N, C-alpha and C. Protein backbone atom coordinates (compact mmCIF):
# COMPACT_ATOMS: atom_id res chain seq x y z
N MET A 1 0.12 -18.35 20.93
CA MET A 1 1.38 -17.84 20.41
C MET A 1 1.51 -18.15 18.92
N ILE A 2 0.99 -19.28 18.49
CA ILE A 2 1.05 -19.63 17.07
C ILE A 2 0.22 -18.64 16.26
N LEU A 3 -0.84 -18.15 16.86
CA LEU A 3 -1.71 -17.20 16.18
C LEU A 3 -0.96 -15.91 15.83
N ILE A 4 -0.17 -15.41 16.75
CA ILE A 4 0.63 -14.21 16.48
C ILE A 4 1.69 -14.53 15.43
N ALA A 5 2.25 -15.73 15.47
CA ALA A 5 3.25 -16.13 14.47
C ALA A 5 2.63 -16.16 13.07
N VAL A 6 1.38 -16.63 12.98
CA VAL A 6 0.69 -16.66 11.69
C VAL A 6 0.51 -15.25 11.15
N ALA A 7 0.19 -14.31 12.02
CA ALA A 7 -0.03 -12.93 11.58
C ALA A 7 1.30 -12.20 11.33
N LEU A 8 2.33 -12.53 12.09
CA LEU A 8 3.62 -11.84 11.94
C LEU A 8 4.50 -12.44 10.85
N LEU A 9 4.27 -13.68 10.48
CA LEU A 9 5.10 -14.35 9.48
C LEU A 9 5.16 -13.59 8.14
N PRO A 10 4.05 -13.05 7.63
CA PRO A 10 4.16 -12.27 6.40
C PRO A 10 5.02 -11.01 6.57
N MET A 11 4.96 -10.38 7.74
CA MET A 11 5.79 -9.20 7.98
C MET A 11 7.27 -9.57 7.99
N ILE A 12 7.58 -10.73 8.53
CA ILE A 12 8.96 -11.21 8.51
C ILE A 12 9.37 -11.52 7.07
N GLY A 13 8.44 -12.07 6.29
CA GLY A 13 8.71 -12.36 4.89
C GLY A 13 8.99 -11.10 4.08
N VAL A 14 8.37 -9.98 4.45
CA VAL A 14 8.62 -8.72 3.76
C VAL A 14 10.10 -8.35 3.87
N PHE A 15 10.69 -8.57 5.03
CA PHE A 15 12.10 -8.23 5.22
C PHE A 15 13.03 -9.12 4.41
N PHE A 16 12.61 -10.35 4.09
CA PHE A 16 13.42 -11.23 3.26
C PHE A 16 13.41 -10.81 1.79
N THR A 17 12.46 -9.96 1.40
CA THR A 17 12.43 -9.51 0.01
C THR A 17 13.37 -8.35 -0.23
N PHE A 18 13.85 -7.72 0.83
CA PHE A 18 14.86 -6.67 0.68
C PHE A 18 16.21 -7.33 0.50
N GLY A 19 17.19 -6.57 0.10
CA GLY A 19 18.53 -7.13 -0.09
C GLY A 19 18.73 -7.60 -1.51
N ARG A 20 19.34 -8.77 -1.64
CA ARG A 20 19.64 -9.31 -2.97
C ARG A 20 18.34 -9.64 -3.70
N LYS A 21 18.18 -9.05 -4.87
CA LYS A 21 16.94 -9.22 -5.62
C LYS A 21 17.06 -10.42 -6.54
N SER A 22 16.58 -11.54 -6.07
CA SER A 22 16.59 -12.77 -6.84
C SER A 22 15.14 -13.22 -7.04
N LEU A 23 14.84 -13.64 -8.26
CA LEU A 23 13.50 -14.11 -8.56
C LEU A 23 13.15 -15.32 -7.69
N ARG A 24 14.07 -16.27 -7.62
CA ARG A 24 13.82 -17.47 -6.83
C ARG A 24 13.64 -17.15 -5.34
N ARG A 25 14.46 -16.23 -4.84
CA ARG A 25 14.37 -15.88 -3.42
C ARG A 25 13.02 -15.25 -3.09
N SER A 26 12.57 -14.34 -3.93
CA SER A 26 11.27 -13.69 -3.68
C SER A 26 10.13 -14.69 -3.77
N LEU A 27 10.16 -15.53 -4.79
CA LEU A 27 9.09 -16.51 -4.96
C LEU A 27 9.11 -17.58 -3.87
N THR A 28 10.31 -17.98 -3.47
CA THR A 28 10.41 -18.96 -2.38
C THR A 28 9.91 -18.36 -1.07
N THR A 29 10.22 -17.10 -0.83
CA THR A 29 9.72 -16.43 0.37
C THR A 29 8.20 -16.38 0.35
N LEU A 30 7.64 -16.02 -0.79
CA LEU A 30 6.18 -15.95 -0.92
C LEU A 30 5.53 -17.31 -0.66
N MET A 31 6.05 -18.36 -1.27
CA MET A 31 5.48 -19.69 -1.09
C MET A 31 5.66 -20.20 0.34
N THR A 32 6.84 -19.99 0.92
CA THR A 32 7.10 -20.47 2.28
C THR A 32 6.19 -19.79 3.28
N VAL A 33 6.07 -18.48 3.17
CA VAL A 33 5.20 -17.75 4.09
C VAL A 33 3.76 -18.18 3.94
N SER A 34 3.30 -18.33 2.71
CA SER A 34 1.90 -18.70 2.51
C SER A 34 1.60 -20.10 3.01
N ILE A 35 2.50 -21.03 2.79
CA ILE A 35 2.26 -22.41 3.26
C ILE A 35 2.34 -22.49 4.78
N LEU A 36 3.36 -21.87 5.38
CA LEU A 36 3.48 -21.91 6.84
C LEU A 36 2.32 -21.19 7.52
N SER A 37 1.89 -20.09 6.96
CA SER A 37 0.74 -19.37 7.55
C SER A 37 -0.54 -20.19 7.43
N SER A 38 -0.73 -20.83 6.30
CA SER A 38 -1.92 -21.65 6.13
C SER A 38 -1.92 -22.83 7.09
N LEU A 39 -0.78 -23.49 7.22
CA LEU A 39 -0.70 -24.61 8.15
C LEU A 39 -0.88 -24.16 9.60
N GLY A 40 -0.28 -23.03 9.96
CA GLY A 40 -0.42 -22.50 11.31
C GLY A 40 -1.85 -22.11 11.62
N ALA A 41 -2.51 -21.43 10.68
CA ALA A 41 -3.91 -21.03 10.89
C ALA A 41 -4.82 -22.25 10.98
N LEU A 42 -4.56 -23.25 10.16
CA LEU A 42 -5.35 -24.47 10.22
C LEU A 42 -5.14 -25.20 11.54
N TYR A 43 -3.90 -25.23 12.02
CA TYR A 43 -3.60 -25.86 13.31
C TYR A 43 -4.32 -25.15 14.45
N VAL A 44 -4.30 -23.82 14.44
CA VAL A 44 -4.99 -23.05 15.49
C VAL A 44 -6.49 -23.29 15.41
N LEU A 45 -7.03 -23.35 14.21
CA LEU A 45 -8.46 -23.59 14.05
C LEU A 45 -8.87 -24.95 14.59
N VAL A 46 -8.07 -25.96 14.30
CA VAL A 46 -8.42 -27.33 14.70
C VAL A 46 -8.12 -27.60 16.17
N SER A 47 -7.05 -27.00 16.68
CA SER A 47 -6.61 -27.36 18.04
C SER A 47 -7.33 -26.60 19.15
N THR A 48 -8.05 -25.54 18.85
CA THR A 48 -8.75 -24.80 19.89
C THR A 48 -10.24 -25.06 19.81
N SER A 49 -10.89 -25.01 20.95
CA SER A 49 -12.33 -25.25 20.97
C SER A 49 -13.06 -23.99 20.51
N CYS A 50 -14.31 -24.17 20.13
CA CYS A 50 -15.10 -23.05 19.63
C CYS A 50 -15.36 -22.00 20.70
N GLU A 51 -15.45 -22.41 21.94
CA GLU A 51 -15.75 -21.48 23.02
C GLU A 51 -14.52 -20.73 23.51
N GLU A 52 -13.35 -21.20 23.16
CA GLU A 52 -12.12 -20.58 23.65
C GLU A 52 -11.86 -19.24 22.97
N VAL A 53 -11.58 -18.24 23.80
CA VAL A 53 -11.26 -16.91 23.31
C VAL A 53 -9.86 -16.57 23.81
N ILE A 54 -8.98 -16.24 22.87
CA ILE A 54 -7.60 -15.90 23.19
C ILE A 54 -7.45 -14.39 23.06
N ARG A 55 -7.05 -13.76 24.15
CA ARG A 55 -6.88 -12.30 24.15
C ARG A 55 -5.39 -11.97 24.13
N LEU A 56 -5.02 -11.06 23.23
CA LEU A 56 -3.62 -10.68 23.06
C LEU A 56 -3.48 -9.16 23.02
N ALA A 57 -2.33 -8.65 23.37
CA ALA A 57 -1.99 -7.23 23.27
C ALA A 57 -3.02 -6.34 23.96
N ASN A 58 -3.26 -6.62 25.23
CA ASN A 58 -4.21 -5.83 26.03
C ASN A 58 -5.59 -5.77 25.39
N ASP A 59 -6.05 -6.87 24.90
CA ASP A 59 -7.36 -7.03 24.26
C ASP A 59 -7.53 -6.26 22.95
N PHE A 60 -6.45 -5.77 22.36
CA PHE A 60 -6.55 -5.16 21.04
C PHE A 60 -6.68 -6.23 19.96
N LEU A 61 -6.13 -7.40 20.21
CA LEU A 61 -6.25 -8.54 19.31
C LEU A 61 -6.96 -9.66 20.06
N VAL A 62 -7.99 -10.22 19.44
CA VAL A 62 -8.75 -11.29 20.06
C VAL A 62 -8.97 -12.38 19.03
N SER A 63 -8.77 -13.60 19.47
CA SER A 63 -9.01 -14.75 18.60
C SER A 63 -10.19 -15.53 19.15
N ASP A 64 -11.30 -15.43 18.47
CA ASP A 64 -12.45 -16.27 18.78
C ASP A 64 -12.68 -17.21 17.60
N SER A 65 -13.75 -17.98 17.66
CA SER A 65 -13.95 -18.99 16.61
C SER A 65 -14.15 -18.34 15.24
N THR A 66 -14.80 -17.20 15.17
CA THR A 66 -15.02 -16.53 13.89
C THR A 66 -13.72 -16.00 13.31
N SER A 67 -12.92 -15.35 14.13
CA SER A 67 -11.66 -14.80 13.61
C SER A 67 -10.71 -15.92 13.19
N ARG A 68 -10.72 -17.03 13.91
CA ARG A 68 -9.87 -18.16 13.51
C ARG A 68 -10.33 -18.75 12.18
N LEU A 69 -11.63 -18.82 11.97
CA LEU A 69 -12.15 -19.32 10.70
C LEU A 69 -11.76 -18.39 9.55
N PHE A 70 -11.94 -17.09 9.74
CA PHE A 70 -11.60 -16.15 8.68
C PHE A 70 -10.10 -16.08 8.44
N LEU A 71 -9.31 -16.21 9.48
CA LEU A 71 -7.86 -16.23 9.30
C LEU A 71 -7.44 -17.45 8.49
N THR A 72 -8.07 -18.58 8.74
CA THR A 72 -7.77 -19.78 7.96
C THR A 72 -8.19 -19.61 6.50
N LEU A 73 -9.34 -19.01 6.27
CA LEU A 73 -9.80 -18.78 4.90
C LEU A 73 -8.89 -17.81 4.16
N ILE A 74 -8.50 -16.73 4.82
CA ILE A 74 -7.60 -15.76 4.20
C ILE A 74 -6.27 -16.42 3.87
N SER A 75 -5.77 -17.24 4.78
CA SER A 75 -4.50 -17.92 4.56
C SER A 75 -4.58 -18.91 3.41
N ALA A 76 -5.69 -19.64 3.32
CA ALA A 76 -5.85 -20.61 2.24
C ALA A 76 -5.95 -19.91 0.88
N VAL A 77 -6.70 -18.81 0.82
CA VAL A 77 -6.82 -18.07 -0.44
C VAL A 77 -5.46 -17.47 -0.82
N PHE A 78 -4.73 -16.96 0.17
CA PHE A 78 -3.42 -16.39 -0.11
C PHE A 78 -2.46 -17.47 -0.59
N ALA A 79 -2.55 -18.68 -0.06
CA ALA A 79 -1.70 -19.77 -0.54
C ALA A 79 -2.00 -20.09 -2.01
N GLY A 80 -3.28 -20.06 -2.38
CA GLY A 80 -3.64 -20.27 -3.77
C GLY A 80 -3.12 -19.17 -4.68
N VAL A 81 -3.21 -17.92 -4.22
CA VAL A 81 -2.68 -16.80 -4.99
C VAL A 81 -1.16 -16.91 -5.11
N ALA A 82 -0.50 -17.29 -4.03
CA ALA A 82 0.96 -17.44 -4.05
C ALA A 82 1.38 -18.52 -5.04
N LEU A 83 0.65 -19.62 -5.07
CA LEU A 83 0.96 -20.69 -6.02
C LEU A 83 0.78 -20.20 -7.46
N TYR A 84 -0.27 -19.44 -7.70
CA TYR A 84 -0.49 -18.89 -9.04
C TYR A 84 0.63 -17.92 -9.43
N VAL A 85 1.00 -17.02 -8.52
CA VAL A 85 2.06 -16.05 -8.80
C VAL A 85 3.38 -16.78 -9.04
N TYR A 86 3.65 -17.79 -8.25
CA TYR A 86 4.88 -18.58 -8.42
C TYR A 86 4.95 -19.18 -9.82
N ASN A 87 3.88 -19.83 -10.23
CA ASN A 87 3.85 -20.46 -11.55
C ASN A 87 3.90 -19.41 -12.66
N ARG A 88 3.17 -18.35 -12.50
CA ARG A 88 3.11 -17.31 -13.54
C ARG A 88 4.47 -16.61 -13.71
N ALA A 89 5.15 -16.33 -12.61
CA ALA A 89 6.44 -15.64 -12.70
C ALA A 89 7.52 -16.53 -13.31
N LEU A 90 7.42 -17.84 -13.11
CA LEU A 90 8.42 -18.74 -13.68
C LEU A 90 8.17 -19.04 -15.15
N THR A 91 6.92 -18.95 -15.60
CA THR A 91 6.61 -19.31 -16.98
C THR A 91 6.50 -18.11 -17.91
N HIS A 92 6.28 -16.91 -17.39
CA HIS A 92 6.14 -15.72 -18.22
C HIS A 92 7.13 -14.66 -17.76
N SER A 93 7.98 -14.24 -18.66
CA SER A 93 9.03 -13.29 -18.29
C SER A 93 8.46 -11.91 -17.93
N PHE A 94 7.35 -11.51 -18.58
CA PHE A 94 6.79 -10.20 -18.26
C PHE A 94 6.21 -10.17 -16.85
N ALA A 95 5.77 -11.32 -16.35
CA ALA A 95 5.23 -11.36 -14.99
C ALA A 95 6.34 -11.32 -13.94
N ALA A 96 7.55 -11.65 -14.33
CA ALA A 96 8.67 -11.67 -13.38
C ALA A 96 9.29 -10.29 -13.17
N ARG A 97 8.91 -9.31 -14.00
CA ARG A 97 9.43 -7.95 -13.81
C ARG A 97 8.92 -7.38 -12.50
N ASN A 98 9.80 -6.79 -11.73
CA ASN A 98 9.46 -6.17 -10.45
C ASN A 98 8.72 -7.12 -9.51
N ILE A 99 9.07 -8.39 -9.56
CA ILE A 99 8.38 -9.37 -8.72
C ILE A 99 8.68 -9.11 -7.24
N HIS A 100 9.80 -8.49 -6.95
CA HIS A 100 10.17 -8.22 -5.56
C HIS A 100 9.18 -7.24 -4.93
N LYS A 101 8.84 -6.20 -5.67
CA LYS A 101 7.86 -5.23 -5.17
C LYS A 101 6.48 -5.88 -5.05
N PHE A 102 6.16 -6.72 -6.02
CA PHE A 102 4.87 -7.40 -6.00
C PHE A 102 4.75 -8.31 -4.78
N VAL A 103 5.79 -9.10 -4.53
CA VAL A 103 5.79 -10.02 -3.38
C VAL A 103 5.74 -9.23 -2.08
N ARG A 104 6.49 -8.15 -2.01
CA ARG A 104 6.51 -7.31 -0.81
C ARG A 104 5.11 -6.75 -0.53
N SER A 105 4.45 -6.24 -1.56
CA SER A 105 3.10 -5.69 -1.37
C SER A 105 2.09 -6.77 -1.03
N ALA A 106 2.23 -7.94 -1.65
CA ALA A 106 1.30 -9.04 -1.36
C ALA A 106 1.46 -9.53 0.08
N LEU A 107 2.70 -9.66 0.55
CA LEU A 107 2.92 -10.09 1.93
C LEU A 107 2.43 -9.04 2.93
N LEU A 108 2.64 -7.78 2.61
CA LEU A 108 2.16 -6.71 3.47
C LEU A 108 0.64 -6.72 3.53
N PHE A 109 0.00 -6.90 2.39
CA PHE A 109 -1.47 -7.00 2.35
C PHE A 109 -1.96 -8.17 3.19
N PHE A 110 -1.30 -9.31 3.07
CA PHE A 110 -1.70 -10.50 3.83
C PHE A 110 -1.54 -10.27 5.33
N ALA A 111 -0.44 -9.66 5.75
CA ALA A 111 -0.23 -9.39 7.17
C ALA A 111 -1.28 -8.41 7.71
N LEU A 112 -1.55 -7.37 6.97
CA LEU A 112 -2.54 -6.40 7.41
C LEU A 112 -3.93 -7.02 7.47
N SER A 113 -4.25 -7.89 6.52
CA SER A 113 -5.54 -8.58 6.54
C SER A 113 -5.66 -9.48 7.75
N ALA A 114 -4.59 -10.18 8.08
CA ALA A 114 -4.61 -11.07 9.25
C ALA A 114 -4.81 -10.28 10.53
N PHE A 115 -4.12 -9.18 10.67
CA PHE A 115 -4.28 -8.36 11.87
C PHE A 115 -5.65 -7.70 11.91
N ALA A 116 -6.21 -7.35 10.75
CA ALA A 116 -7.55 -6.76 10.73
C ALA A 116 -8.60 -7.76 11.21
N VAL A 117 -8.43 -9.02 10.84
CA VAL A 117 -9.36 -10.05 11.29
C VAL A 117 -9.25 -10.28 12.79
N LEU A 118 -8.06 -10.17 13.32
CA LEU A 118 -7.83 -10.42 14.74
C LEU A 118 -8.10 -9.20 15.62
N SER A 119 -8.26 -8.03 15.02
CA SER A 119 -8.40 -6.81 15.83
C SER A 119 -9.73 -6.79 16.56
N ASN A 120 -9.70 -6.24 17.76
CA ASN A 120 -10.87 -6.17 18.61
C ASN A 120 -11.28 -4.73 18.88
N HIS A 121 -10.57 -3.81 18.33
CA HIS A 121 -10.83 -2.39 18.53
C HIS A 121 -11.31 -1.81 17.20
N PHE A 122 -12.39 -1.07 17.24
CA PHE A 122 -13.00 -0.57 16.00
C PHE A 122 -12.05 0.34 15.21
N ILE A 123 -11.39 1.26 15.87
CA ILE A 123 -10.50 2.19 15.18
C ILE A 123 -9.29 1.44 14.61
N LEU A 124 -8.75 0.50 15.38
CA LEU A 124 -7.62 -0.28 14.90
C LEU A 124 -8.01 -1.09 13.67
N MET A 125 -9.19 -1.71 13.71
CA MET A 125 -9.66 -2.48 12.57
C MET A 125 -9.85 -1.58 11.35
N TRP A 126 -10.42 -0.40 11.54
CA TRP A 126 -10.63 0.53 10.44
C TRP A 126 -9.29 0.96 9.84
N LEU A 127 -8.32 1.28 10.69
CA LEU A 127 -6.99 1.66 10.20
C LEU A 127 -6.32 0.53 9.43
N LEU A 128 -6.45 -0.68 9.93
CA LEU A 128 -5.86 -1.83 9.24
C LEU A 128 -6.53 -2.08 7.89
N LEU A 129 -7.85 -1.92 7.83
CA LEU A 129 -8.54 -2.10 6.55
C LEU A 129 -8.16 -1.02 5.56
N GLU A 130 -7.98 0.20 6.02
CA GLU A 130 -7.51 1.27 5.12
C GLU A 130 -6.08 0.99 4.68
N ALA A 131 -5.27 0.45 5.56
CA ALA A 131 -3.89 0.11 5.20
C ALA A 131 -3.86 -1.01 4.17
N THR A 132 -4.82 -1.96 4.23
CA THR A 132 -4.87 -3.00 3.19
C THR A 132 -5.17 -2.39 1.84
N THR A 133 -5.99 -1.34 1.82
CA THR A 133 -6.27 -0.63 0.57
C THR A 133 -4.99 -0.02 0.01
N LEU A 134 -4.20 0.60 0.88
CA LEU A 134 -2.93 1.18 0.43
C LEU A 134 -1.94 0.12 -0.02
N ALA A 135 -1.98 -1.06 0.60
CA ALA A 135 -1.04 -2.13 0.25
C ALA A 135 -1.41 -2.83 -1.06
N ILE A 136 -2.69 -2.90 -1.37
CA ILE A 136 -3.09 -3.65 -2.56
C ILE A 136 -3.11 -2.78 -3.82
N THR A 137 -3.17 -1.48 -3.67
CA THR A 137 -3.19 -0.60 -4.84
C THR A 137 -1.97 -0.80 -5.74
N PRO A 138 -0.74 -0.93 -5.22
CA PRO A 138 0.39 -1.21 -6.12
C PRO A 138 0.27 -2.57 -6.82
N LEU A 139 -0.43 -3.51 -6.22
CA LEU A 139 -0.62 -4.81 -6.88
C LEU A 139 -1.52 -4.67 -8.10
N ILE A 140 -2.49 -3.80 -8.02
CA ILE A 140 -3.37 -3.57 -9.16
C ILE A 140 -2.62 -2.82 -10.25
N TYR A 141 -1.74 -1.92 -9.86
CA TYR A 141 -0.98 -1.10 -10.80
C TYR A 141 0.29 -1.81 -11.30
N HIS A 142 0.49 -3.06 -10.99
CA HIS A 142 1.73 -3.78 -11.27
C HIS A 142 2.14 -3.74 -12.74
N GLN A 143 1.21 -3.86 -13.67
CA GLN A 143 1.56 -3.88 -15.10
C GLN A 143 1.86 -2.50 -15.66
N LYS A 144 1.51 -1.45 -14.95
CA LYS A 144 1.82 -0.06 -15.29
C LYS A 144 1.27 0.38 -16.65
N GLY A 145 0.09 -0.08 -16.98
CA GLY A 145 -0.58 0.37 -18.19
C GLY A 145 -1.65 1.39 -17.87
N VAL A 146 -2.26 1.93 -18.91
CA VAL A 146 -3.31 2.93 -18.72
C VAL A 146 -4.51 2.31 -17.99
N THR A 147 -4.88 1.12 -18.38
CA THR A 147 -6.03 0.48 -17.74
C THR A 147 -5.73 0.10 -16.29
N SER A 148 -4.47 -0.26 -15.99
CA SER A 148 -4.15 -0.60 -14.61
C SER A 148 -4.14 0.64 -13.72
N VAL A 149 -3.74 1.78 -14.26
CA VAL A 149 -3.82 3.04 -13.49
C VAL A 149 -5.28 3.37 -13.20
N HIS A 150 -6.11 3.22 -14.21
CA HIS A 150 -7.54 3.48 -14.05
C HIS A 150 -8.15 2.55 -13.00
N ALA A 151 -7.83 1.28 -13.08
CA ALA A 151 -8.36 0.31 -12.13
C ALA A 151 -7.84 0.56 -10.71
N ALA A 152 -6.57 0.90 -10.59
CA ALA A 152 -6.00 1.16 -9.26
C ALA A 152 -6.66 2.37 -8.61
N TRP A 153 -6.86 3.43 -9.37
CA TRP A 153 -7.52 4.60 -8.80
C TRP A 153 -8.96 4.32 -8.43
N LYS A 154 -9.67 3.58 -9.27
CA LYS A 154 -11.05 3.22 -8.94
C LYS A 154 -11.10 2.40 -7.65
N TYR A 155 -10.21 1.42 -7.55
CA TYR A 155 -10.19 0.59 -6.35
C TYR A 155 -9.86 1.44 -5.13
N PHE A 156 -8.87 2.31 -5.25
CA PHE A 156 -8.46 3.15 -4.13
C PHE A 156 -9.60 4.05 -3.66
N VAL A 157 -10.28 4.69 -4.59
CA VAL A 157 -11.36 5.61 -4.24
C VAL A 157 -12.54 4.84 -3.65
N PHE A 158 -12.97 3.76 -4.31
CA PHE A 158 -14.13 3.03 -3.83
C PHE A 158 -13.87 2.34 -2.49
N SER A 159 -12.67 1.82 -2.29
CA SER A 159 -12.35 1.18 -1.01
C SER A 159 -12.22 2.22 0.10
N GLY A 160 -11.64 3.35 -0.22
CA GLY A 160 -11.52 4.40 0.78
C GLY A 160 -12.85 4.97 1.20
N VAL A 161 -13.74 5.17 0.24
CA VAL A 161 -15.08 5.71 0.55
C VAL A 161 -15.95 4.65 1.21
N GLY A 162 -15.82 3.42 0.72
CA GLY A 162 -16.66 2.34 1.25
C GLY A 162 -16.32 2.00 2.65
């Protein structure tokens, strides 16, 4: 059950970014979700044996030792990114512009990545990986410059084809 909470927590965090647009609220949501997800993924990794396989949602989601390891790695990297974004948004005013959309896209990307790692169905995994491409493209385009448009389109095309 904690495993589903780790994957669903970023989706719940997305809903906290709607409503009152406060810099502190968005950044606190980002940090809270990243820390809780990292701790939850680490707990699931440590508390379950390597041979244990947890099947969820009619076997569409499966947690084995490999998926638990990758979920923990994704969560740890996302926590590092969240810490960087938190510091950057508080110290640089240009980075704080549209931070709500940035946090929303980052949390959506994290949730889709977590579900992609846990997916046990080839088509579902493919759809989730394509959805991560759609979720991360606005993050690349965040600064809205000519080079960021170029980079976002390159990423979108190469990820979609790849």
